[in-house]
Protein backbone atom coordinates (compact mmCIF):
# COMPACT_ATOMS: atom_id res chain seq x y z
CA UNK A 1 2.55 -26.23 -8.19
CA UNK A 2 -0.70 -24.41 -8.96
CA UNK A 3 -0.20 -21.17 -6.96
CA UNK A 4 -3.88 -21.48 -6.13
CA UNK A 5 -3.78 -20.11 -2.58
CA UNK A 6 -1.55 -17.14 -3.31
CA UNK A 7 -3.59 -16.31 -6.42
CA UNK A 8 -6.83 -16.47 -4.48
CA UNK A 9 -5.42 -14.47 -1.59
CA UNK A 10 -3.97 -11.90 -3.97
CA UNK A 11 -7.35 -11.44 -5.72
CA UNK A 12 -9.12 -11.31 -2.36
CA UNK A 13 -6.85 -8.49 -1.14
CA UNK A 14 -6.47 -6.78 -4.52
CA UNK A 15 -10.13 -6.05 -5.18
CA UNK A 16 -10.65 -4.24 -1.84
CA UNK A 17 -7.31 -2.42 -2.27
CA UNK A 18 -8.38 -1.17 -5.71
CA UNK A 19 -11.86 -0.30 -4.43
CA UNK A 20 -10.33 1.67 -1.54
CA UNK A 21 -7.94 3.47 -3.90
CA UNK A 22 -10.81 4.05 -6.33
CA UNK A 23 -13.07 5.44 -3.63
CA UNK A 24 -10.36 7.77 -2.32
CA UNK A 25 -9.05 8.88 -5.70
CA UNK A 26 -12.35 9.19 -7.53
CA UNK A 27 -13.68 11.18 -4.59
CA UNK A 28 -10.72 13.58 -4.82
CA UNK A 29 -11.14 13.88 -8.58
CA UNK A 30 -14.89 14.49 -8.38
CA UNK A 31 -14.32 16.97 -5.54
CA UNK A 32 -12.02 18.96 -7.84
CA UNK A 33 -14.55 18.73 -10.65
CA UNK A 34 -17.41 19.92 -8.42
CA UNK A 35 -15.33 22.82 -7.15
CA UNK A 36 -14.23 23.76 -10.68
CA UNK A 37 -17.85 23.61 -11.88
CA UNK A 38 -19.69 25.31 -9.01
CA UNK A 39 -16.96 27.55 -7.56
CA UNK A 40 -14.63 28.26 -10.49
CA UNK A 41 -10.91 28.09 -11.12
CA UNK A 42 -10.06 30.12 -8.00
CA UNK A 43 -11.58 27.29 -5.97
CA UNK A 44 -9.69 24.65 -7.92
CA UNK A 45 -6.44 26.58 -7.42
CA UNK A 46 -7.22 26.67 -3.69
CA UNK A 47 -7.48 22.87 -3.62
CA UNK A 48 -4.09 22.62 -5.30
CA UNK A 49 -2.62 25.03 -2.72
CA UNK A 50 -3.97 22.80 0.08
CA UNK A 51 -2.77 19.61 -1.61
CA UNK A 52 0.46 19.35 0.47
CA UNK A 53 -1.61 19.42 3.66
CA UNK A 54 -4.13 16.90 2.33
CA UNK A 55 -1.28 14.58 1.39
CA UNK A 56 -0.16 14.47 5.03
CA UNK A 57 -3.08 12.09 5.60
CA UNK A 58 -1.57 9.63 3.13
CA UNK A 59 1.80 9.93 4.87
CA UNK A 60 0.29 8.85 8.19
CA UNK A 61 -1.61 5.98 6.57
CA UNK A 62 1.56 4.54 5.07
CA UNK A 63 3.80 5.38 7.99
CA UNK A 64 1.74 3.73 10.73
CA UNK A 65 -0.72 1.66 8.71
CA UNK A 66 1.68 0.02 6.28
CA UNK A 67 4.66 -0.03 8.67
CA UNK A 68 2.60 -1.43 11.53
CA UNK A 69 0.89 -3.92 9.24
CA UNK A 70 4.17 -5.34 7.91
CA UNK A 71 5.64 -5.83 11.40
CA UNK A 72 2.38 -7.31 12.71
CA UNK A 73 2.20 -9.74 9.77
CA UNK A 74 5.83 -10.74 10.24
CA UNK A 75 5.05 -11.62 13.85
CA UNK A 76 2.09 -13.68 12.69
CA UNK A 77 4.35 -15.50 10.23
CA UNK A 78 6.65 -16.24 13.18
CA UNK A 79 3.66 -17.57 15.16
CA UNK A 80 3.85 -14.69 17.67
CA UNK A 81 0.26 -13.49 18.25
CA UNK A 82 1.17 -11.31 21.24
CA UNK A 83 3.86 -9.52 19.23
CA UNK A 84 1.41 -8.99 16.37
CA UNK A 85 -1.19 -7.42 18.67
CA UNK A 86 1.49 -5.27 20.29
CA UNK A 87 2.44 -3.68 16.96
CA UNK A 88 -1.23 -3.20 16.09
CA UNK A 89 -1.86 -1.40 19.38
CA UNK A 90 1.28 0.72 19.05
CA UNK A 91 0.43 1.77 15.49
CA UNK A 92 -3.14 2.78 16.35
CA UNK A 93 -2.22 4.66 19.54
CA UNK A 94 0.56 6.59 17.80
CA UNK A 95 -1.78 7.43 14.91
CA UNK A 96 -4.40 8.87 17.25
CA UNK A 97 -1.90 11.00 19.17
CA UNK A 98 0.02 12.27 16.11
CA UNK A 99 -3.08 13.12 14.06
CA UNK A 100 -4.66 15.06 16.94
CA UNK A 101 -1.43 17.04 17.35
CA UNK A 102 -1.51 17.96 13.63
CA UNK A 103 -5.12 19.08 14.00
CA UNK A 104 -4.26 21.29 16.99
CA UNK A 105 -1.36 22.94 15.12
CA UNK A 106 -3.56 23.66 12.07
CA UNK A 107 -6.50 24.84 14.18
CA UNK A 108 -4.54 27.07 16.57
CA UNK A 109 -2.15 28.51 13.98
CA UNK A 110 -4.41 28.61 10.94
CA UNK A 111 -3.07 31.84 9.44
CA UNK A 112 0.55 30.74 9.80
CA UNK A 113 -0.16 27.32 8.22
CA UNK A 114 -2.03 28.88 5.27
CA UNK A 115 0.70 31.50 4.88
CA UNK A 116 3.29 28.73 4.50
CA UNK A 117 1.31 27.37 1.53
CA UNK A 118 1.64 30.69 -0.34
CA UNK A 119 -1.82 30.91 -1.92
CA UNK A 120 -2.49 33.58 -4.53
CA UNK A 121 -4.41 36.63 -3.31
CA UNK A 122 -7.63 35.55 -5.01
CA UNK A 123 -7.40 32.02 -3.61
CA UNK A 124 -6.88 32.94 0.08
CA UNK A 125 -10.62 33.17 1.00
CA UNK A 126 -11.24 29.77 -0.62
CA UNK A 127 -8.27 28.19 1.14
CA UNK A 128 -9.51 29.38 4.54
CA UNK A 129 -13.09 28.24 3.88
CA UNK A 130 -12.06 24.75 2.75
CA UNK A 131 -9.47 24.42 5.51
CA UNK A 132 -12.05 25.04 8.25
CA UNK A 133 -13.51 21.52 8.10
CA UNK A 134 -10.42 19.92 6.57
CA UNK A 135 -8.51 20.49 9.82
CA UNK A 136 -11.27 18.85 11.87
CA UNK A 137 -11.45 15.91 9.45
CA UNK A 138 -7.69 15.24 9.61
CA UNK A 139 -7.66 12.92 12.69
CA UNK A 140 -10.83 11.12 11.58
CA UNK A 141 -9.62 10.39 8.05
CA UNK A 142 -6.17 9.36 9.29
CA UNK A 143 -7.42 6.98 11.99
CA UNK A 144 -9.84 5.38 9.53
CA UNK A 145 -7.06 4.97 6.94
CA UNK A 146 -4.63 3.27 9.34
CA UNK A 147 -7.30 1.04 10.90
CA UNK A 148 -8.48 0.09 7.42
CA UNK A 149 -4.98 -1.21 6.60
CA UNK A 150 -5.17 -3.67 9.48
CA UNK A 151 -8.79 -4.70 8.81
CA UNK A 152 -7.86 -5.40 5.18
CA UNK A 153 -5.20 -7.99 6.13
CA UNK A 154 -7.21 -9.46 9.00
CA UNK A 155 -9.41 -11.62 6.82
CA UNK A 156 -11.94 -8.82 6.21
CA UNK A 157 -10.76 -7.02 3.05
CA UNK A 158 -14.28 -6.55 1.73
CA UNK A 159 -15.40 -4.86 4.93
CA UNK A 160 -12.35 -2.55 4.85
CA UNK A 161 -13.15 -1.45 1.31
CA UNK A 162 -16.86 -1.18 2.12
CA UNK A 163 -16.20 1.30 4.93
CA UNK A 164 -14.14 3.60 2.70
CA UNK A 165 -16.62 3.30 -0.16
CA UNK A 166 -19.51 4.26 2.13
CA UNK A 167 -17.53 7.25 3.45
CA UNK A 168 -16.83 8.50 -0.05
CA UNK A 169 -20.33 7.87 -1.39
CA UNK A 170 -21.69 10.01 1.45
CA UNK A 171 -19.04 12.61 0.62
CA UNK A 172 -19.97 12.74 -3.07
CA UNK A 173 -23.72 12.92 -2.43
CA UNK A 174 -23.26 15.73 0.06
CA UNK A 175 -20.83 17.46 -2.34
CA UNK A 176 -23.61 17.73 -4.89
CA UNK A 177 -26.20 18.80 -2.33
CA UNK A 178 -24.01 21.36 -0.54
CA UNK A 179 -22.49 22.85 -3.71
CA UNK A 180 -25.11 22.33 -6.40
CA UNK A 181 -28.35 22.58 -4.45
CA UNK A 182 -27.72 24.62 -1.30
CA UNK A 183 -24.87 26.72 -2.80
CA UNK A 184 -22.82 26.62 0.40
CA UNK A 185 -19.57 27.51 -1.36
CA UNK A 186 -16.26 25.67 -1.14
CA UNK A 187 -16.63 25.04 2.59
CA UNK A 188 -19.55 22.77 1.67
CA UNK A 189 -17.08 20.45 -0.07
CA UNK A 190 -14.90 20.12 3.04
CA UNK A 191 -17.96 19.70 5.29
CA UNK A 192 -19.15 16.87 3.01
CA UNK A 193 -15.78 15.15 3.42
CA UNK A 194 -15.91 15.51 7.21
CA UNK A 195 -19.42 14.02 7.47
CA UNK A 196 -18.56 11.19 5.05
CA UNK A 197 -15.56 10.04 7.07
CA UNK A 198 -17.37 10.35 10.39
CA UNK A 199 -19.89 7.88 8.96
CA UNK A 200 -17.03 5.63 7.76
CA UNK A 201 -15.26 5.63 11.13
CA UNK A 202 -18.56 4.83 12.87
CA UNK A 203 -18.95 1.78 10.61
CA UNK A 204 -15.65 0.34 11.88
CA UNK A 205 -17.29 -0.31 15.26
CA UNK A 206 -18.51 -3.57 13.72
CA UNK A 207 -14.89 -4.75 13.45
CA UNK A 208 -14.15 -4.04 17.12
CA UNK A 209 -17.04 -6.26 18.22
CA UNK A 210 -16.28 -9.04 15.72
CA UNK A 211 -15.16 -12.24 17.47
CA UNK A 212 -13.33 -13.43 14.32
CA UNK A 213 -10.84 -10.57 14.23
CA UNK A 214 -7.26 -11.46 15.17
CA UNK A 215 -5.83 -7.97 15.82
CA UNK A 216 -6.66 -6.89 19.36
CA UNK A 217 -5.69 -3.97 21.58
CA UNK A 218 -3.23 -4.82 24.37
CA UNK A 219 -2.94 -1.40 26.01
CA UNK A 220 -2.04 -2.98 29.36
CA UNK A 221 1.24 -4.27 27.86
CA UNK A 222 2.35 -0.87 26.56
CA UNK A 223 5.02 0.93 28.53
CA UNK A 224 6.20 4.40 27.55
CA UNK A 225 9.76 3.29 26.80
CA UNK A 226 8.78 0.22 24.77
CA UNK A 227 5.95 2.11 23.07
CA UNK A 228 8.40 4.74 21.86
CA UNK A 229 10.94 2.16 20.66
CA UNK A 230 8.21 0.20 18.87
CA UNK A 231 6.92 3.39 17.27
CA UNK A 232 10.42 4.12 15.98
CA UNK A 233 10.58 0.59 14.59
CA UNK A 234 7.22 1.04 12.81
CA UNK A 235 8.35 4.40 11.42
CA UNK A 236 11.58 2.83 10.17
CA UNK A 237 9.68 0.14 8.25
CA UNK A 238 6.88 2.41 7.08
CA UNK A 239 9.02 5.40 6.18
CA UNK A 240 9.98 4.39 2.62
CA UNK A 241 6.31 4.14 1.65
CA UNK A 242 5.31 7.13 3.76
CA UNK A 243 8.20 9.14 2.40
CA UNK A 244 6.50 8.94 -0.98
CA UNK A 245 3.84 11.14 0.51
CA UNK A 246 6.31 13.27 2.47
CA UNK A 247 8.51 13.97 -0.53
CA UNK A 248 5.39 14.49 -2.61
CA UNK A 249 4.29 17.18 -0.18
CA UNK A 250 7.63 18.96 -0.56
CA UNK A 251 7.69 18.45 -4.33
CA UNK A 252 4.12 19.65 -4.87
CA UNK A 253 4.79 22.64 -2.63
CA UNK A 254 7.85 23.65 -4.67
CA UNK A 255 6.17 22.97 -8.01
CA UNK A 256 3.18 25.04 -6.89
CA UNK A 257 5.53 27.96 -6.25
CA UNK A 258 7.22 27.55 -9.65
CA UNK A 259 4.02 27.12 -11.66
CA UNK A 260 2.15 29.79 -9.74
CA UNK A 261 5.00 32.22 -10.25
CA UNK A 262 5.40 31.54 -13.98
CA UNK A 263 1.85 30.78 -15.15
CA UNK A 264 -0.28 32.05 -12.25
CA UNK A 265 -3.52 30.21 -11.46
CA UNK A 266 -3.45 28.55 -14.89
CA UNK A 267 -0.26 26.75 -13.86
CA UNK A 268 -1.88 25.55 -10.63
CA UNK A 269 -4.96 24.37 -12.57
CA UNK A 270 -2.80 22.44 -15.06
CA UNK A 271 -0.81 20.81 -12.26
CA UNK A 272 -4.05 19.92 -10.49
CA UNK A 273 -5.28 18.09 -13.60
CA UNK A 274 -1.94 16.27 -13.97
CA UNK A 275 -2.09 15.11 -10.35
CA UNK A 276 -5.66 13.96 -10.87
CA UNK A 277 -4.50 11.93 -13.88
CA UNK A 278 -1.88 10.41 -11.58
CA UNK A 279 -4.62 9.60 -9.07
CA UNK A 280 -6.53 7.69 -11.74
CA UNK A 281 -3.65 5.42 -12.71
CA UNK A 282 -2.65 5.12 -9.04
CA UNK A 283 -5.91 3.28 -8.44
CA UNK A 284 -4.37 0.29 -10.20
CA UNK A 285 -0.67 0.76 -9.47
CA UNK A 286 -1.09 1.39 -5.75
CA UNK A 287 -3.80 -1.27 -5.49
CA UNK A 288 -1.39 -3.91 -6.80
CA UNK A 289 1.59 -2.49 -4.88
CA UNK A 290 -0.16 -2.40 -1.51
CA UNK A 291 -1.49 -5.92 -2.05
CA UNK A 292 2.05 -7.03 -2.89
CA UNK A 293 3.40 -5.45 0.30
CA UNK A 294 0.79 -7.36 2.34
CA UNK A 295 1.65 -10.77 0.89
CA UNK A 296 5.42 -10.55 0.33
CA UNK A 297 6.38 -10.36 4.07
CA UNK A 298 4.70 -13.72 4.74
CA UNK A 299 6.21 -15.61 1.83
CA UNK A 300 9.62 -13.96 2.08
CA UNK A 301 9.89 -14.81 5.79
CA UNK A 302 9.29 -18.44 4.84
CA UNK A 303 11.73 -18.26 1.87
CA UNK A 304 8.98 -19.17 -0.61
CA UNK A 305 10.65 -17.51 -3.59
CA UNK A 306 8.66 -19.52 -6.12
CA UNK A 307 5.37 -17.88 -5.10
CA UNK A 308 7.03 -14.48 -4.67
CA UNK A 309 8.38 -14.56 -8.23
CA UNK A 310 4.95 -15.57 -9.53
CA UNK A 311 3.04 -12.79 -7.79
CA UNK A 312 5.58 -10.02 -8.54
CA UNK A 313 5.60 -10.89 -12.24
CA UNK A 314 1.80 -10.98 -12.32
CA UNK A 315 1.56 -7.55 -10.62
CA UNK A 316 4.05 -5.87 -12.95
CA UNK A 317 2.39 -7.18 -16.11
CA UNK A 318 -1.11 -6.16 -15.04
CA UNK A 319 -0.17 -2.64 -13.96
CA UNK A 320 2.05 -2.14 -17.00
CA UNK A 321 -0.88 -2.91 -19.31
CA UNK A 322 -3.11 -0.43 -17.44
CA UNK A 323 -0.44 2.28 -17.59
CA UNK A 324 0.20 1.84 -21.31
CA UNK A 325 -3.52 2.02 -22.12
CA UNK A 326 -4.09 5.14 -20.00
CA UNK A 327 -0.99 6.89 -21.35
CA UNK A 328 -2.11 6.16 -24.91
CA UNK A 329 -5.57 7.56 -24.15
CA UNK A 330 -4.14 10.83 -22.81
CA UNK A 331 -1.88 11.22 -25.84
CA UNK A 332 -4.68 10.54 -28.32
CA UNK A 333 -7.52 12.35 -26.56
CA UNK A 334 -6.36 14.60 -23.67
CA UNK A 335 -9.62 16.58 -23.86
CA UNK A 336 -11.36 13.52 -22.47
CA UNK A 337 -9.88 14.40 -19.08
CA UNK A 338 -9.59 18.17 -19.49
CA UNK A 339 -13.32 18.60 -20.10
CA UNK A 340 -13.96 17.20 -16.64
CA UNK A 341 -12.15 20.20 -15.15
CA UNK A 342 -13.39 22.88 -17.56
CA UNK A 343 -9.92 23.23 -19.08
CA UNK A 344 -10.56 21.94 -22.61
CA UNK A 345 -11.56 25.36 -23.96
CA UNK A 346 -8.94 27.50 -22.24
CA UNK A 347 -7.13 30.17 -24.35
CA UNK A 348 -3.88 28.22 -23.79
CA UNK A 349 -5.44 24.81 -24.37
CA UNK A 350 -2.43 23.55 -26.38
CA UNK A 351 -0.20 24.32 -23.37
CA UNK A 352 -2.55 22.32 -21.15
CA UNK A 353 -2.74 19.37 -23.55
CA UNK A 354 1.03 19.17 -24.07
CA UNK A 355 1.65 19.33 -20.33
CA UNK A 356 -0.74 16.44 -19.70
CA UNK A 357 0.72 14.35 -22.53
CA UNK A 358 4.33 14.77 -21.36
CA UNK A 359 3.43 14.23 -17.69
CA UNK A 360 1.62 10.97 -18.58
CA UNK A 361 4.92 9.46 -19.79
CA UNK A 362 5.76 9.03 -16.10
CA UNK A 363 3.10 6.36 -15.62
CA UNK A 364 5.00 3.50 -17.29
CA UNK A 365 8.33 3.81 -15.39
CA UNK A 366 6.25 4.51 -12.29
CA UNK A 367 5.03 0.89 -12.44
CA UNK A 368 8.53 -0.55 -12.04
CA UNK A 369 9.71 1.91 -9.39
CA UNK A 370 6.53 1.53 -7.31
CA UNK A 371 6.55 -2.27 -7.42
CA UNK A 372 10.21 -2.34 -6.40
CA UNK A 373 9.55 0.20 -3.65
CA UNK A 374 6.74 -1.79 -2.03
CA UNK A 375 8.57 -5.08 -2.52
CA UNK A 376 11.62 -3.73 -0.71
CA UNK A 377 9.42 -2.33 2.01
CA UNK A 378 7.74 -5.72 2.40
CA UNK A 379 11.11 -7.43 2.97
CA UNK A 380 12.34 -4.54 5.15
CA UNK A 381 15.10 -3.35 2.79
CA UNK A 382 14.74 0.28 3.81
CA UNK A 383 17.85 1.60 2.06
CA UNK A 384 16.78 0.31 -1.34
CA UNK A 385 13.20 1.51 -0.95
CA UNK A 386 14.51 4.83 0.36
CA UNK A 387 16.65 5.33 -2.74
CA UNK A 388 13.65 4.86 -5.01
CA UNK A 389 11.49 7.19 -2.98
CA UNK A 390 13.99 10.03 -2.63
CA UNK A 391 14.87 10.07 -6.32
CA UNK A 392 11.46 9.40 -7.91
CA UNK A 393 9.38 11.56 -5.57
CA UNK A 394 11.71 14.48 -4.87
CA UNK A 395 15.29 14.80 -6.10
CA UNK A 396 14.75 13.50 -9.64
CA UNK A 397 11.94 15.90 -10.62
CA UNK A 398 13.60 18.86 -8.90
CA UNK A 399 17.05 18.27 -10.42
CA UNK A 400 15.67 17.77 -13.94
CA UNK A 401 13.34 20.78 -13.61
CA UNK A 402 16.13 23.19 -12.70
CA UNK A 403 18.64 21.58 -15.05
CA UNK A 404 16.35 21.69 -18.10
CA UNK A 405 14.51 24.96 -17.40
CA UNK A 406 17.12 27.15 -19.20
CA UNK A 407 16.71 24.91 -22.28
CA UNK A 408 12.97 24.23 -22.55
CA UNK A 409 11.35 26.58 -20.04
CA UNK A 410 8.27 25.52 -18.06
CA UNK A 411 8.07 22.26 -20.08
CA UNK A 412 10.93 21.07 -17.87
CA UNK A 413 8.41 20.61 -15.04
CA UNK A 414 6.41 18.00 -16.96
CA UNK A 415 9.48 16.26 -18.41
CA UNK A 416 11.08 15.95 -14.98
CA UNK A 417 8.53 13.46 -13.64
CA UNK A 418 9.12 10.56 -16.10
CA UNK A 419 12.88 11.21 -15.96
CA UNK A 420 12.76 11.07 -12.16
CA UNK A 421 11.15 7.60 -12.16
CA UNK A 422 13.62 6.29 -14.74
CA UNK A 423 16.58 7.62 -12.76
CA UNK A 424 15.34 5.94 -9.55
CA UNK A 425 15.20 2.54 -11.28
CA UNK A 426 18.71 2.94 -12.71
CA UNK A 427 20.26 4.06 -9.41
CA UNK A 428 18.64 1.36 -7.25
CA UNK A 429 19.69 -1.33 -9.76
CA UNK A 430 23.30 -0.13 -9.61
CA UNK A 431 23.16 0.01 -5.80
CA UNK A 432 21.78 -3.54 -5.54
CA UNK A 433 24.53 -4.84 -7.83
CA UNK A 434 27.13 -3.23 -5.55
CA UNK A 435 25.50 -4.72 -2.44
CA UNK A 436 25.32 -8.13 -4.11
CA UNK A 437 29.11 -8.26 -4.45
CA UNK A 438 29.52 -8.01 -0.68
CA UNK A 439 26.45 -10.02 0.32
CA UNK A 440 27.24 -13.65 1.02
CA UNK A 441 23.61 -14.59 1.68
CA UNK A 442 21.45 -12.96 -1.03
CA UNK A 443 21.57 -12.35 -4.75
CA UNK A 444 19.64 -10.53 -7.48
CA UNK A 445 17.33 -7.53 -7.55
CA UNK A 446 14.85 -9.31 -5.26
CA UNK A 447 17.38 -10.53 -2.66
CA UNK A 448 16.84 -14.25 -3.09
CA UNK A 449 18.67 -16.51 -0.61
CA UNK A 450 21.69 -17.99 -2.39
CA UNK A 451 21.52 -21.71 -3.06
CA UNK A 452 18.14 -22.11 -1.39
CA UNK A 453 15.96 -22.41 -4.51
CA UNK A 454 17.78 -25.63 -5.45
CA UNK A 455 16.94 -27.05 -2.02
CA UNK A 456 13.28 -26.05 -2.19
CA UNK A 457 10.27 -28.03 -3.37
CA UNK A 458 6.68 -26.85 -3.75
CA UNK A 459 3.72 -29.23 -3.79
CA UNK A 460 -0.05 -28.81 -4.04
CA UNK A 461 -2.22 -31.58 -2.61
CA UNK A 462 -5.87 -31.83 -3.65
CA UNK A 463 -6.65 -34.83 -1.46
CA UNK A 464 -4.96 -36.98 1.16
CA UNK A 465 -4.48 -39.68 -1.48
CA UNK A 466 -3.04 -37.36 -4.12
CA UNK A 467 -0.15 -38.86 -6.12
CA UNK A 468 1.77 -35.65 -5.44
CA UNK A 469 1.83 -36.69 -1.80
CA UNK A 470 3.73 -39.86 -2.64
CA UNK A 471 6.17 -37.84 -4.74
CA UNK A 472 6.79 -35.49 -1.79
CA UNK A 473 7.35 -38.36 0.66
CA UNK A 474 9.77 -40.05 -1.73
CA UNK A 475 11.75 -36.82 -1.89
CA UNK A 476 11.82 -36.62 1.92
CA UNK A 477 13.17 -40.15 2.10
CA UNK A 478 16.10 -39.11 -0.12
CA UNK A 479 16.84 -36.47 2.53
CA UNK A 480 17.14 -39.21 5.20
CA UNK A 481 13.98 -38.23 7.07
CA UNK A 482 13.12 -40.84 9.70
CA UNK A 483 9.90 -42.83 9.46
CA UNK A 484 8.36 -41.33 12.62
CA UNK A 485 8.65 -37.80 11.19
CA UNK A 486 7.10 -38.98 7.94
CA UNK A 487 4.24 -40.52 9.89
CA UNK A 488 3.68 -37.30 11.83
CA UNK A 489 3.59 -35.28 8.61
CA UNK A 490 1.17 -37.77 7.07
CA UNK A 491 -1.11 -37.50 10.11
CA UNK A 492 -1.10 -33.68 9.94
CA UNK A 493 -2.03 -33.75 6.25
CA UNK A 494 -4.77 -36.31 6.83
CA UNK A 495 -6.18 -34.24 9.70
CA UNK A 496 -6.46 -31.19 7.44
CA UNK A 497 -8.31 -33.09 4.70
CA UNK A 498 -10.50 -35.16 7.04
CA UNK A 499 -11.60 -32.09 9.00
CA UNK A 500 -12.49 -30.20 5.81
CA UNK A 501 -14.22 -33.10 4.00
CA UNK A 502 -11.51 -33.08 1.31
CA UNK A 503 -12.73 -29.64 0.10
CA UNK A 504 -9.41 -27.83 0.41
CA UNK A 505 -6.11 -27.61 -1.42
CA UNK A 506 -2.98 -27.74 0.70
CA UNK A 507 0.12 -25.96 -0.60
CA UNK A 508 3.31 -27.33 0.90
CA UNK A 509 6.71 -25.65 0.86
CA UNK A 510 9.58 -27.96 1.70
CA UNK A 511 13.05 -26.48 2.33
CA UNK A 512 16.24 -28.35 3.16
CA UNK A 513 18.35 -26.22 5.53
CA UNK A 514 20.99 -29.00 5.92
CA UNK A 515 20.56 -29.29 9.69
CA UNK A 516 16.77 -29.36 9.48
CA UNK A 517 13.90 -29.55 7.01
CA UNK A 518 11.11 -26.99 7.21
CA UNK A 519 7.70 -28.10 5.97
CA UNK A 520 5.26 -25.20 5.67
CA UNK A 521 1.61 -25.97 4.90
CA UNK A 522 -1.05 -23.45 3.87
CA UNK A 523 -4.74 -24.04 3.35
CA UNK A 524 -7.96 -22.03 3.33
CA UNK A 525 -9.96 -24.54 5.32
CA UNK A 526 -11.68 -24.30 8.68
CA UNK A 527 -9.93 -22.25 11.34
CA UNK A 528 -10.91 -24.75 14.03
CA UNK A 529 -8.55 -27.31 12.49
CA UNK A 530 -5.56 -25.24 13.64
CA UNK A 531 -6.52 -25.75 17.28
CA UNK A 532 -6.88 -29.50 16.78
CA UNK A 533 -3.47 -29.74 15.11
CA UNK A 534 -1.81 -27.59 17.77
CA UNK A 535 -3.29 -29.76 20.51
CA UNK A 536 -2.51 -33.08 18.84
CA UNK A 537 0.98 -32.34 17.53
CA UNK A 538 2.35 -29.72 19.94
CA UNK A 539 5.18 -32.03 20.99
CA UNK A 540 6.33 -32.59 17.39
CA UNK A 541 7.88 -29.18 16.52
CA UNK A 542 4.61 -28.00 15.02
CA UNK A 543 3.58 -24.33 15.02
CA UNK A 544 0.28 -22.91 13.79
CA UNK A 545 -1.10 -19.46 13.04
CA UNK A 546 -3.70 -17.74 10.92
CA UNK A 547 -2.18 -15.28 8.43
CA UNK A 548 -4.12 -13.16 5.91
CA UNK A 549 -7.14 -15.41 6.43
CA UNK A 550 -5.44 -18.74 5.63
CA UNK A 551 -4.18 -21.47 7.96
CA UNK A 552 -0.41 -21.57 8.31
CA UNK A 553 1.30 -24.66 9.75
CA UNK A 554 5.01 -25.22 10.11
CA UNK A 555 6.52 -28.61 10.90
CA UNK A 556 10.28 -28.70 11.56
CA UNK A 557 12.05 -32.02 11.02
CA UNK A 558 15.51 -32.69 12.40
CA UNK A 559 17.61 -34.53 9.83
CA UNK A 560 19.01 -37.96 10.52
CA UNK A 561 22.80 -38.03 10.13
CA UNK A 562 24.04 -40.30 7.40
């Protein structure tokens, strides 16, 4: 087994995911740097005060984008195109309505919203100026983020990343012009963001008119009752990932109050730099995690644990290497990041450096907790993913902060983050072990179907005359498969290779379920072949669909009794 298709698909989705995360995170980091440079530390403190509100955008993207995407992909894996489009439509409609409601609340009750954020007296004017265009941008950024999630897994990952990159390039260019050239103040930074994302959302019109897209709006099939129940279902699946943002909002809000009360604006500036460091490493961690959550639902639904194990291991190793390198850099040379925010020459520079060093220790355990979180979300294990989220993003840091504060003072804030991630891993591992004792169907940290791996075979065919094909057919004969079923399978395989001029690899998953044998075939050949196979073999328990840009064919064989 070469894992060629899953490796190629993973790389194809990973690069856009990283580019999207890079565009979003680098833009946020550069925004903070521009504000710190052209406005001063009052402006930077204002951005940190508004951070909980800004993070609401991420919550919506994960809640409706990731939740809707997983359910839509599961329907595709089950060969249900109508169900897939229904979840797409539900997710987008709910996003539009919810984001507009948030905008109206912020716009109509601006003073009350800002008051809840508890800005310092000096930061209030900056918070109001930046918030003016931030509120307007909220629905635009949110809709673009959720739609981008679907475009990314609809065979157009490069276009999805391109849209976000364009939006952020426009933002950064206008940041420099509005702040550095025209001296518009901090509101220029939020206006630049608004214009950038308007341009990005406009670019998505190309997707709506693209005949190759598979997600389509089916508004006529939405009824209020079913729309609400489907929205609840999407929220249930998307909540563990979205709750990362939700709990982060609460956590950042509380930490802002603690740091602002103890250290004043210096505390807010330090925390802002720490969060920006987190944004940098999140480019890689979240890029891999989101890609994992897009692929795992397909392979898990088909019980392809061989490929799942391969791609999870690959993701953990890659992100672990990135985290170790970045953590080492911050310990050896923290000024490399602090200079970017004009904090390297502060009177309390040792306090700033130590805070950043200690906080960076969270990046390594964050790899394991994040990968587990998105894996569990991909297989719809909401309790397990919820445990990780609640502890790592909220309870862990808060408990350790208040528990250690009498002993080490404000340092407890920075120590609490790595301890929170470690605690989440320990607790979820214990919980899974307890569940495993009572679960007759699954086992292990990744909920593998018991006894199924032994009854599974994976094959990769490079041509219709590949020797591996003979090996596979010999194995099927040992399972008492009748000759007519073998002939049908042979004809399907030959059709794939003949229609693609032998230029494809076909990965075949063969599972013995005792009463039946499932043969799942994946290839990255011509889409038109699916229609030919569906037409020619529709009477032979053959189902076809296009998932994540590859052809997915399932042939079910009834076993012959011995």
